[in-house]
Amino acid sequence: MKDIQAVVIDLDGTLLNNNHEVTKFTKKVIRNIVERGIHLFIATGRHPVDVRHFCRKMGVETYLLCCNGGMVYNKKGELISTREIEGGISRKLLNITTHPEVYTNVYQNELWFAEQENEALNAMHIESGFECEIIEFEQMPNYTINKVFYYSHNPLELAQLETRLVQKFGDQLSIYPSSKVCLEVMPKGVNKGNSLSELFESLQIRRENVLAFGDGQNDIEMLGMVGKGLIMKNADSKLIEALPHLEIISSNNENGVAQYLSKVLLQENSLQD
């Protein structure tokens, strides 16, 4: 495949395996891509503290779109754009009553706040060492925040919460599930696709010369706006339904991203040991 200027990759369910790790093979392929002068963008719902860790593990400098594009960093690690939920709206949002099996989390600048511990959620961050601070939300420094997300293994309660939030805040916030266990709430208009459009324009990257990989509903705009969007075999069925014309590749547990890049961009059958 010729003329590829950039590769955009989601993390959870895409670049990371189910243990939330970057495999040795994936690290090798990613470094090869960057060494060949192709721009790399990591686009994820994760917090920048998390994402920086994975980039260090891969040994590459990359553009970061964190909080689904709400916080964007250049290759030097400098914050170049940010969108926040205004304090009055977030105060009302955090006063919404949720089911006991739904855990509410807040990203505010470099911090992660929660009112309750959740072992399953904490396990996702063991690799990076990023930890939440348990507080009452009213004790936060202020209510201007980057993102709220709700985590639960009760899909019915998450779906019902999504309906309630859309009805109450749909004209003020962007609300969508990023996985079966996570519901994301962002400033209105914030998504990976919009943030990428701005970056591509500033970097003179033609979107038709971009590959992107994703697995969740928060990847819909991103995958739909690039030259070639690729969906993981383990993807959310609603993503596949939204973009039925896109190619489906091997799963995140099968090094799907690295295998594809190795064969298509590096013209090698496999770089695996």
C-alpha atoms as a PDB file:
ATOM      1  CA  MET A   1       0.000   0.000   0.000  1.00  0.00           C
ATOM      2  CA  LYS A   2       1.541   3.275  -1.134  1.00  0.00           C
ATOM      3  CA  ASP A   3       1.287   6.893  -0.014  1.00  0.00           C
ATOM      4  CA  ILE A   4       0.255   6.140   3.575  1.00  0.00           C
ATOM      5  CA  GLN A   5       1.157   9.216   5.610  1.00  0.00           C
ATOM      6  CA  ALA A   6      -0.313   8.266   8.963  1.00  0.00           C
ATOM      7  CA  VAL A   7      -1.659   5.417  11.085  1.00  0.00           C
ATOM      8  CA  VAL A   8      -4.233   6.006  13.824  1.00  0.00           C
ATOM      9  CA  ILE A   9      -4.767   3.340  16.486  1.00  0.00           C
ATOM     10  CA  ASP A  10      -7.180   2.929  19.373  1.00  0.00           C
ATOM     11  CA  LEU A  11      -5.822   1.235  22.527  1.00  0.00           C
ATOM     12  CA  ASP A  12      -8.246  -0.993  24.461  1.00  0.00           C
ATOM     13  CA  GLY A  13      -9.566  -3.835  22.352  1.00  0.00           C
ATOM     14  CA  THR A  14      -7.368  -2.753  19.457  1.00  0.00           C
ATOM     15  CA  LEU A  15      -3.639  -2.284  20.096  1.00  0.00           C
ATOM     16  CA  LEU A  16      -3.759  -3.730  23.620  1.00  0.00           C
ATOM     17  CA  ASN A  17      -4.568  -7.394  24.202  1.00  0.00           C
ATOM     18  CA  ASN A  18      -7.143  -8.508  26.760  1.00  0.00           C
ATOM     19  CA  ASN A  19      -4.500  -8.254  29.486  1.00  0.00           C
ATOM     20  CA  HIS A  20      -4.183  -4.548  28.574  1.00  0.00           C
ATOM     21  CA  GLU A  21      -0.628  -5.080  27.319  1.00  0.00           C
ATOM     22  CA  VAL A  22       1.340  -4.225  24.182  1.00  0.00           C
ATOM     23  CA  THR A  23       2.976  -7.425  22.958  1.00  0.00           C
ATOM     24  CA  LYS A  24       6.627  -7.690  21.938  1.00  0.00           C
ATOM     25  CA  PHE A  25       5.582  -8.235  18.327  1.00  0.00           C
ATOM     26  CA  THR A  26       3.366  -5.163  18.309  1.00  0.00           C
ATOM     27  CA  LYS A  27       6.142  -2.986  19.764  1.00  0.00           C
ATOM     28  CA  LYS A  28       8.502  -4.135  17.007  1.00  0.00           C
ATOM     29  CA  VAL A  29       6.023  -3.381  14.221  1.00  0.00           C
ATOM     30  CA  ILE A  30       5.072   0.035  15.625  1.00  0.00           C
ATOM     31  CA  ARG A  31       8.731   1.076  15.875  1.00  0.00           C
ATOM     32  CA  ASN A  32       9.274  -0.026  12.266  1.00  0.00           C
ATOM     33  CA  ILE A  33       6.329   2.058  11.101  1.00  0.00           C
ATOM     34  CA  VAL A  34       7.586   5.185  12.862  1.00  0.00           C
ATOM     35  CA  GLU A  35      11.154   4.650  11.647  1.00  0.00           C
ATOM     36  CA  ARG A  36       9.846   4.694   8.071  1.00  0.00           C
ATOM     37  CA  GLY A  37       8.538   8.237   8.569  1.00  0.00           C
ATOM     38  CA  ILE A  38       4.856   7.413   8.952  1.00  0.00           C
ATOM     39  CA  HIS A  39       3.030   9.596  11.477  1.00  0.00           C
ATOM     40  CA  LEU A  40       1.552   7.646  14.394  1.00  0.00           C
ATOM     41  CA  PHE A  41      -1.550   8.785  16.285  1.00  0.00           C
ATOM     42  CA  ILE A  42      -2.882   7.036  19.381  1.00  0.00           C
ATOM     43  CA  ALA A  43      -6.596   7.846  19.733  1.00  0.00           C
ATOM     44  CA  THR A  44      -8.227   6.567  22.898  1.00  0.00           C
ATOM     45  CA  GLY A  45     -10.673   7.267  25.672  1.00  0.00           C
ATOM     46  CA  ARG A  46      -7.868   6.721  28.178  1.00  0.00           C
ATOM     47  CA  HIS A  47      -6.235   9.420  30.270  1.00  0.00           C
ATOM     48  CA  PRO A  48      -2.926  10.920  29.039  1.00  0.00           C
ATOM     49  CA  VAL A  49      -1.023   9.522  32.043  1.00  0.00           C
ATOM     50  CA  ASP A  50      -2.031   6.036  30.898  1.00  0.00           C
ATOM     51  CA  VAL A  51      -1.266   6.643  27.251  1.00  0.00           C
ATOM     52  CA  ARG A  52       2.189   8.124  27.837  1.00  0.00           C
ATOM     53  CA  HIS A  53       3.149   4.922  29.628  1.00  0.00           C
ATOM     54  CA  PHE A  54       2.267   2.728  26.644  1.00  0.00           C
ATOM     55  CA  CYS A  55       4.151   5.024  24.273  1.00  0.00           C
ATOM     56  CA  ARG A  56       7.244   4.780  26.463  1.00  0.00           C
ATOM     57  CA  LYS A  57       6.907   0.993  26.426  1.00  0.00           C
ATOM     58  CA  MET A  58       6.795   1.046  22.616  1.00  0.00           C
ATOM     59  CA  GLY A  59       9.736   3.443  22.460  1.00  0.00           C
ATOM     60  CA  VAL A  60       8.095   5.895  20.058  1.00  0.00           C
ATOM     61  CA  GLU A  61       7.032   9.523  19.935  1.00  0.00           C
ATOM     62  CA  THR A  62       3.486   9.991  18.745  1.00  0.00           C
ATOM     63  CA  TYR A  63       0.545  12.339  18.650  1.00  0.00           C
ATOM     64  CA  LEU A  64      -1.918  11.537  21.437  1.00  0.00           C
ATOM     65  CA  LEU A  65      -5.675  12.019  21.289  1.00  0.00           C
ATOM     66  CA  CYS A  66      -6.793  11.249  24.836  1.00  0.00           C
ATOM     67  CA  CYS A  67     -10.293  11.363  26.329  1.00  0.00           C
ATOM     68  CA  ASN A  68     -11.625  10.575  22.828  1.00  0.00           C
ATOM     69  CA  GLY A  69      -9.975  13.663  21.371  1.00  0.00           C
ATOM     70  CA  GLY A  70     -10.798  16.015  24.224  1.00  0.00           C
ATOM     71  CA  MET A  71      -7.096  16.350  25.075  1.00  0.00           C
ATOM     72  CA  VAL A  72      -4.606  16.419  22.175  1.00  0.00           C
ATOM     73  CA  TYR A  73      -0.804  16.312  22.529  1.00  0.00           C
ATOM     74  CA  ASN A  74       1.964  16.745  19.967  1.00  0.00           C
ATOM     75  CA  LYS A  75       4.996  14.483  19.633  1.00  0.00           C
ATOM     76  CA  LYS A  76       6.867  16.517  22.253  1.00  0.00           C
ATOM     77  CA  GLY A  77       4.147  15.767  24.785  1.00  0.00           C
ATOM     78  CA  GLU A  78       2.801  19.316  24.747  1.00  0.00           C
ATOM     79  CA  LEU A  79      -0.950  19.859  25.149  1.00  0.00           C
ATOM     80  CA  ILE A  80      -2.058  21.586  21.948  1.00  0.00           C
ATOM     81  CA  SER A  81      -5.837  21.525  22.382  1.00  0.00           C
ATOM     82  CA  THR A  82      -8.323  20.702  25.089  1.00  0.00           C
ATOM     83  CA  ARG A  83     -12.099  20.710  25.517  1.00  0.00           C
ATOM     84  CA  GLU A  84     -13.726  20.635  28.940  1.00  0.00           C
ATOM     85  CA  ILE A  85     -17.183  20.139  30.401  1.00  0.00           C
ATOM     86  CA  GLU A  86     -18.262  23.429  31.948  1.00  0.00           C
ATOM     87  CA  GLY A  87     -18.622  23.379  35.717  1.00  0.00           C
ATOM     88  CA  GLY A  88     -22.342  24.055  35.870  1.00  0.00           C
ATOM     89  CA  ILE A  89     -23.110  21.148  33.548  1.00  0.00           C
ATOM     90  CA  SER A  90     -20.711  18.705  35.216  1.00  0.00           C
ATOM     91  CA  ARG A  91     -22.107  19.531  38.664  1.00  0.00           C
ATOM     92  CA  LYS A  92     -25.587  18.558  37.452  1.00  0.00           C
ATOM     93  CA  LEU A  93     -24.174  15.475  35.719  1.00  0.00           C
ATOM     94  CA  LEU A  94     -22.422  14.229  38.851  1.00  0.00           C
ATOM     95  CA  ASN A  95     -25.582  14.706  40.897  1.00  0.00           C
ATOM     96  CA  ILE A  96     -27.412  12.129  38.773  1.00  0.00           C
ATOM     97  CA  THR A  97     -28.287   9.056  40.869  1.00  0.00           C
ATOM     98  CA  THR A  98     -26.864   5.825  39.438  1.00  0.00           C
ATOM     99  CA  HIS A  99     -27.328   2.130  40.206  1.00  0.00           C
ATOM    100  CA  PRO A 100     -24.957   0.719  42.877  1.00  0.00           C
ATOM    101  CA  GLU A 101     -23.297  -1.461  40.211  1.00  0.00           C
ATOM    102  CA  VAL A 102     -22.435   1.587  38.108  1.00  0.00           C
ATOM    103  CA  TYR A 103     -19.176   3.322  39.066  1.00  0.00           C
ATOM    104  CA  THR A 104     -18.765   7.000  38.203  1.00  0.00           C
ATOM    105  CA  ASN A 105     -15.285   8.311  37.303  1.00  0.00           C
ATOM    106  CA  VAL A 106     -13.942  11.776  36.495  1.00  0.00           C
ATOM    107  CA  TYR A 107     -10.845  12.884  34.589  1.00  0.00           C
ATOM    108  CA  GLN A 108      -9.677  16.355  35.556  1.00  0.00           C
ATOM    109  CA  ASN A 109      -6.349  17.480  34.056  1.00  0.00           C
ATOM    110  CA  GLU A 110      -3.718  15.015  35.349  1.00  0.00           C
ATOM    111  CA  LEU A 111      -6.027  13.412  37.933  1.00  0.00           C
ATOM    112  CA  TRP A 112      -8.581  10.592  38.060  1.00  0.00           C
ATOM    113  CA  PHE A 113     -11.294  10.830  40.701  1.00  0.00           C
ATOM    114  CA  ALA A 114     -13.836   8.251  41.854  1.00  0.00           C
ATOM    115  CA  GLU A 115     -16.060   7.923  44.876  1.00  0.00           C
ATOM    116  CA  GLN A 116     -15.695   4.130  45.078  1.00  0.00           C
ATOM    117  CA  GLU A 117     -12.949   1.601  44.373  1.00  0.00           C
ATOM    118  CA  ASN A 118     -13.513  -0.881  41.553  1.00  0.00           C
ATOM    119  CA  GLU A 119     -11.081  -3.795  41.312  1.00  0.00           C
ATOM    120  CA  ALA A 120     -11.886  -4.659  37.696  1.00  0.00           C
ATOM    121  CA  LEU A 121     -11.348  -1.081  36.571  1.00  0.00           C
ATOM    122  CA  ASN A 122      -8.150  -0.785  38.587  1.00  0.00           C
ATOM    123  CA  ALA A 123      -6.852  -3.963  36.912  1.00  0.00           C
ATOM    124  CA  MET A 124      -7.000  -2.205  33.553  1.00  0.00           C
ATOM    125  CA  HIS A 125      -4.438   0.295  34.839  1.00  0.00           C
ATOM    126  CA  ILE A 126      -1.937  -2.028  36.519  1.00  0.00           C
ATOM    127  CA  GLU A 127       0.355  -1.850  33.485  1.00  0.00           C
ATOM    128  CA  SER A 128       0.557   1.949  33.578  1.00  0.00           C
ATOM    129  CA  GLY A 129       0.375   2.373  37.353  1.00  0.00           C
ATOM    130  CA  PHE A 130      -2.246   5.118  36.984  1.00  0.00           C
ATOM    131  CA  GLU A 131      -4.434   5.172  40.095  1.00  0.00           C
ATOM    132  CA  CYS A 132      -7.667   6.931  40.980  1.00  0.00           C
ATOM    133  CA  GLU A 133      -8.082   9.169  44.007  1.00  0.00           C
ATOM    134  CA  ILE A 134     -11.108   8.228  46.097  1.00  0.00           C
ATOM    135  CA  ILE A 135     -12.969  11.364  47.163  1.00  0.00           C
ATOM    136  CA  GLU A 136     -16.435  12.841  47.305  1.00  0.00           C
ATOM    137  CA  PHE A 137     -16.839  14.665  43.981  1.00  0.00           C
ATOM    138  CA  GLU A 138     -17.812  17.849  45.789  1.00  0.00           C
ATOM    139  CA  GLN A 139     -14.249  17.879  47.166  1.00  0.00           C
ATOM    140  CA  MET A 140     -12.700  18.222  43.701  1.00  0.00           C
ATOM    141  CA  PRO A 141     -10.737  21.467  43.134  1.00  0.00           C
ATOM    142  CA  ASN A 142     -13.496  22.609  40.758  1.00  0.00           C
ATOM    143  CA  TYR A 143     -16.162  21.148  38.503  1.00  0.00           C
ATOM    144  CA  THR A 144     -14.516  21.958  35.177  1.00  0.00           C
ATOM    145  CA  ILE A 145     -13.547  18.474  33.961  1.00  0.00           C
ATOM    146  CA  ASN A 146     -12.309  16.683  30.859  1.00  0.00           C
ATOM    147  CA  LYS A 147     -14.497  13.602  30.961  1.00  0.00           C
ATOM    148  CA  VAL A 148     -16.931  11.533  32.999  1.00  0.00           C
ATOM    149  CA  PHE A 149     -17.190   7.811  32.435  1.00  0.00           C
ATOM    150  CA  TYR A 150     -19.409   5.161  33.959  1.00  0.00           C
ATOM    151  CA  TYR A 151     -18.098   1.625  34.400  1.00  0.00           C
ATOM    152  CA  SER A 152     -20.266  -1.426  35.039  1.00  0.00           C
ATOM    153  CA  HIS A 153     -20.654  -5.108  34.227  1.00  0.00           C
ATOM    154  CA  ASN A 154     -24.417  -4.604  34.293  1.00  0.00           C
ATOM    155  CA  PRO A 155     -25.230  -3.774  30.641  1.00  0.00           C
ATOM    156  CA  LEU A 156     -28.912  -3.111  31.294  1.00  0.00           C
ATOM    157  CA  GLU A 157     -28.146  -0.445  33.888  1.00  0.00           C
ATOM    158  CA  LEU A 158     -25.558   1.203  31.611  1.00  0.00           C
ATOM    159  CA  ALA A 159     -28.037   1.261  28.721  1.00  0.00           C
ATOM    160  CA  GLN A 160     -30.748   2.766  30.924  1.00  0.00           C
ATOM    161  CA  LEU A 161     -28.294   5.369  32.225  1.00  0.00           C
ATOM    162  CA  GLU A 162     -27.314   6.270  28.657  1.00  0.00           C
ATOM    163  CA  THR A 163     -30.968   6.856  27.777  1.00  0.00           C
ATOM    164  CA  ARG A 164     -31.467   9.083  30.829  1.00  0.00           C
ATOM    165  CA  LEU A 165     -28.331  11.105  30.129  1.00  0.00           C
ATOM    166  CA  VAL A 166     -29.142  11.618  26.454  1.00  0.00           C
ATOM    167  CA  GLN A 167     -32.621  12.828  27.368  1.00  0.00           C
ATOM    168  CA  LYS A 168     -31.280  15.280  29.949  1.00  0.00           C
ATOM    169  CA  PHE A 169     -27.932  16.364  28.452  1.00  0.00           C
ATOM    170  CA  GLY A 170     -28.040  15.315  24.794  1.00  0.00           C
ATOM    171  CA  ASP A 171     -27.951  18.907  23.546  1.00  0.00           C
ATOM    172  CA  GLN A 172     -25.028  19.806  25.834  1.00  0.00           C
ATOM    173  CA  LEU A 173     -22.775  16.746  25.899  1.00  0.00           C
ATOM    174  CA  SER A 174     -21.501  13.897  23.705  1.00  0.00           C
ATOM    175  CA  ILE A 175     -22.630  10.604  25.257  1.00  0.00           C
ATOM    176  CA  TYR A 176     -21.733   7.171  23.915  1.00  0.00           C
ATOM    177  CA  PRO A 177     -20.528   3.731  25.027  1.00  0.00           C
ATOM    178  CA  SER A 178     -16.878   2.990  24.273  1.00  0.00           C
ATOM    179  CA  SER A 179     -17.226  -0.682  25.234  1.00  0.00           C
ATOM    180  CA  LYS A 180     -19.747  -3.064  26.767  1.00  0.00           C
ATOM    181  CA  VAL A 181     -18.673  -1.951  30.238  1.00  0.00           C
ATOM    182  CA  CYS A 182     -17.988   1.755  29.755  1.00  0.00           C
ATOM    183  CA  LEU A 183     -20.220   4.749  28.978  1.00  0.00           C
ATOM    184  CA  GLU A 184     -18.367   7.965  28.099  1.00  0.00           C
ATOM    185  CA  VAL A 185     -19.504  11.567  28.550  1.00  0.00           C
ATOM    186  CA  MET A 186     -17.575  14.308  26.785  1.00  0.00           C
ATOM    187  CA  PRO A 187     -18.022  17.978  25.851  1.00  0.00           C
ATOM    188  CA  LYS A 188     -20.470  18.383  22.974  1.00  0.00           C
ATOM    189  CA  GLY A 189     -18.867  17.660  19.596  1.00  0.00           C
ATOM    190  CA  VAL A 190     -15.805  15.934  21.017  1.00  0.00           C
ATOM    191  CA  ASN A 191     -14.903  12.731  19.208  1.00  0.00           C
ATOM    192  CA  LYS A 192     -11.814  11.193  17.669  1.00  0.00           C
ATOM    193  CA  GLY A 193     -12.842  12.057  14.117  1.00  0.00           C
ATOM    194  CA  ASN A 194     -13.253  15.784  14.747  1.00  0.00           C
ATOM    195  CA  SER A 195      -9.936  16.073  16.573  1.00  0.00           C
ATOM    196  CA  LEU A 196      -8.144  14.138  13.846  1.00  0.00           C
ATOM    197  CA  SER A 197      -9.598  16.394  11.149  1.00  0.00           C
ATOM    198  CA  GLU A 198      -8.060  19.429  12.848  1.00  0.00           C
ATOM    199  CA  LEU A 199      -4.691  17.706  13.275  1.00  0.00           C
ATOM    200  CA  PHE A 200      -4.555  16.413   9.712  1.00  0.00           C
ATOM    201  CA  GLU A 201      -5.244  19.889   8.382  1.00  0.00           C
ATOM    202  CA  SER A 202      -2.483  21.454  10.482  1.00  0.00           C
ATOM    203  CA  LEU A 203       0.003  18.725   9.504  1.00  0.00           C
ATOM    204  CA  GLN A 204      -1.037  18.689   5.816  1.00  0.00           C
ATOM    205  CA  ILE A 205      -1.976  15.024   6.003  1.00  0.00           C
ATOM    206  CA  ARG A 206      -4.552  13.900   3.458  1.00  0.00           C
ATOM    207  CA  ARG A 207      -7.186  11.787   5.172  1.00  0.00           C
ATOM    208  CA  GLU A 208      -7.339   9.457   2.179  1.00  0.00           C
ATOM    209  CA  ASN A 209      -3.711   8.565   2.971  1.00  0.00           C
ATOM    210  CA  VAL A 210      -4.507   7.430   6.517  1.00  0.00           C
ATOM    211  CA  LEU A 211      -5.141   4.002   8.053  1.00  0.00           C
ATOM    212  CA  ALA A 212      -7.136   3.743  11.288  1.00  0.00           C
ATOM    213  CA  PHE A 213      -7.916   0.818  13.584  1.00  0.00           C
ATOM    214  CA  GLY A 214     -10.677   0.545  16.189  1.00  0.00           C
ATOM    215  CA  ASP A 215     -13.162  -1.695  17.969  1.00  0.00           C
ATOM    216  CA  GLY A 216     -15.745   0.485  19.763  1.00  0.00           C
ATOM    217  CA  GLN A 217     -18.591   2.876  19.131  1.00  0.00           C
ATOM    218  CA  ASN A 218     -16.309   5.774  20.057  1.00  0.00           C
ATOM    219  CA  ASP A 219     -14.296   4.875  16.927  1.00  0.00           C
ATOM    220  CA  ILE A 220     -17.147   5.353  14.444  1.00  0.00           C
ATOM    221  CA  GLU A 221     -16.276   8.917  13.377  1.00  0.00           C
ATOM    222  CA  MET A 222     -12.549   8.143  13.225  1.00  0.00           C
ATOM    223  CA  LEU A 223     -12.904   5.021  11.098  1.00  0.00           C
ATOM    224  CA  GLY A 224     -15.421   6.653   8.810  1.00  0.00           C
ATOM    225  CA  MET A 225     -13.343   9.719   7.940  1.00  0.00           C
ATOM    226  CA  VAL A 226      -9.996   8.148   6.937  1.00  0.00           C
ATOM    227  CA  GLY A 227      -8.912   6.566   3.683  1.00  0.00           C
ATOM    228  CA  LYS A 228      -9.104   3.061   5.099  1.00  0.00           C
ATOM    229  CA  GLY A 229     -10.726   2.185   8.395  1.00  0.00           C
ATOM    230  CA  LEU A 230     -10.168  -1.288   9.822  1.00  0.00           C
ATOM    231  CA  ILE A 231     -12.343  -2.994  12.405  1.00  0.00           C
ATOM    232  CA  MET A 232     -11.088  -5.589  14.873  1.00  0.00           C
ATOM    233  CA  LYS A 233     -12.698  -9.040  14.847  1.00  0.00           C
ATOM    234  CA  ASN A 234     -13.546  -8.532  18.530  1.00  0.00           C
ATOM    235  CA  ALA A 235     -15.331  -5.231  17.823  1.00  0.00           C
ATOM    236  CA  ASP A 236     -18.648  -4.045  19.210  1.00  0.00           C
ATOM    237  CA  SER A 237     -21.428  -5.307  16.920  1.00  0.00           C
ATOM    238  CA  LYS A 238     -22.870  -1.780  16.742  1.00  0.00           C
ATOM    239  CA  LEU A 239     -19.614  -0.521  15.234  1.00  0.00           C
ATOM    240  CA  ILE A 240     -19.776  -3.187  12.543  1.00  0.00           C
ATOM    241  CA  GLU A 241     -23.421  -2.313  11.869  1.00  0.00           C
ATOM    242  CA  ALA A 242     -22.552   1.392  11.598  1.00  0.00           C
ATOM    243  CA  LEU A 243     -19.706   0.798   9.126  1.00  0.00           C
ATOM    244  CA  PRO A 244     -20.579  -2.457   7.311  1.00  0.00           C
ATOM    245  CA  HIS A 245     -18.368  -1.663   4.324  1.00  0.00           C
ATOM    246  CA  LEU A 246     -15.130  -1.688   6.326  1.00  0.00           C
ATOM    247  CA  GLU A 247     -12.709  -4.603   6.423  1.00  0.00           C
ATOM    248  CA  ILE A 248     -12.581  -6.735   9.563  1.00  0.00           C
ATOM    249  CA  ILE A 249      -9.130  -7.943  10.625  1.00  0.00           C
ATOM    250  CA  SER A 250      -7.801 -10.314  13.294  1.00  0.00           C
ATOM    251  CA  SER A 251      -8.588  -9.631  16.935  1.00  0.00           C
ATOM    252  CA  ASN A 252      -6.574  -7.675  19.482  1.00  0.00           C
ATOM    253  CA  ASN A 253      -5.525 -10.981  21.099  1.00  0.00           C
ATOM    254  CA  GLU A 254      -4.125 -12.118  17.743  1.00  0.00           C
ATOM    255  CA  ASN A 255      -1.941  -9.017  17.225  1.00  0.00           C
ATOM    256  CA  GLY A 256      -4.422  -7.940  14.553  1.00  0.00           C
ATOM    257  CA  VAL A 257      -3.091  -4.396  14.130  1.00  0.00           C
ATOM    258  CA  ALA A 258       0.552  -5.459  14.018  1.00  0.00           C
ATOM    259  CA  GLN A 259      -0.159  -8.333  11.645  1.00  0.00           C
ATOM    260  CA  TYR A 260      -1.971  -6.029   9.244  1.00  0.00           C
ATOM    261  CA  LEU A 261       0.702  -3.330   9.334  1.00  0.00           C
ATOM    262  CA  SER A 262       3.458  -5.903   8.926  1.00  0.00           C
ATOM    263  CA  LYS A 263       1.920  -7.404   5.808  1.00  0.00           C
ATOM    264  CA  VAL A 264       0.479  -4.294   4.165  1.00  0.00           C
ATOM    265  CA  LEU A 265       2.924  -1.495   5.025  1.00  0.00           C
ATOM    266  CA  LEU A 266       6.136  -3.377   5.781  1.00  0.00           C
ATOM    267  CA  GLN A 267       5.534  -6.010   3.082  1.00  0.00           C
ATOM    268  CA  GLU A 268       6.579  -8.780   5.410  1.00  0.00           C
ATOM    269  CA  ASN A 269       4.623 -11.934   6.120  1.00  0.00           C
ATOM    270  CA  SER A 270       5.393 -11.634   9.813  1.00  0.00           C
ATOM    271  CA  LEU A 271       7.890 -10.024  12.147  1.00  0.00           C
ATOM    272  CA  GLN A 272       7.045 -12.406  14.965  1.00  0.00           C
ATOM    273  CA  ASP A 273       9.851 -14.381  16.570  1.00  0.00           C
END
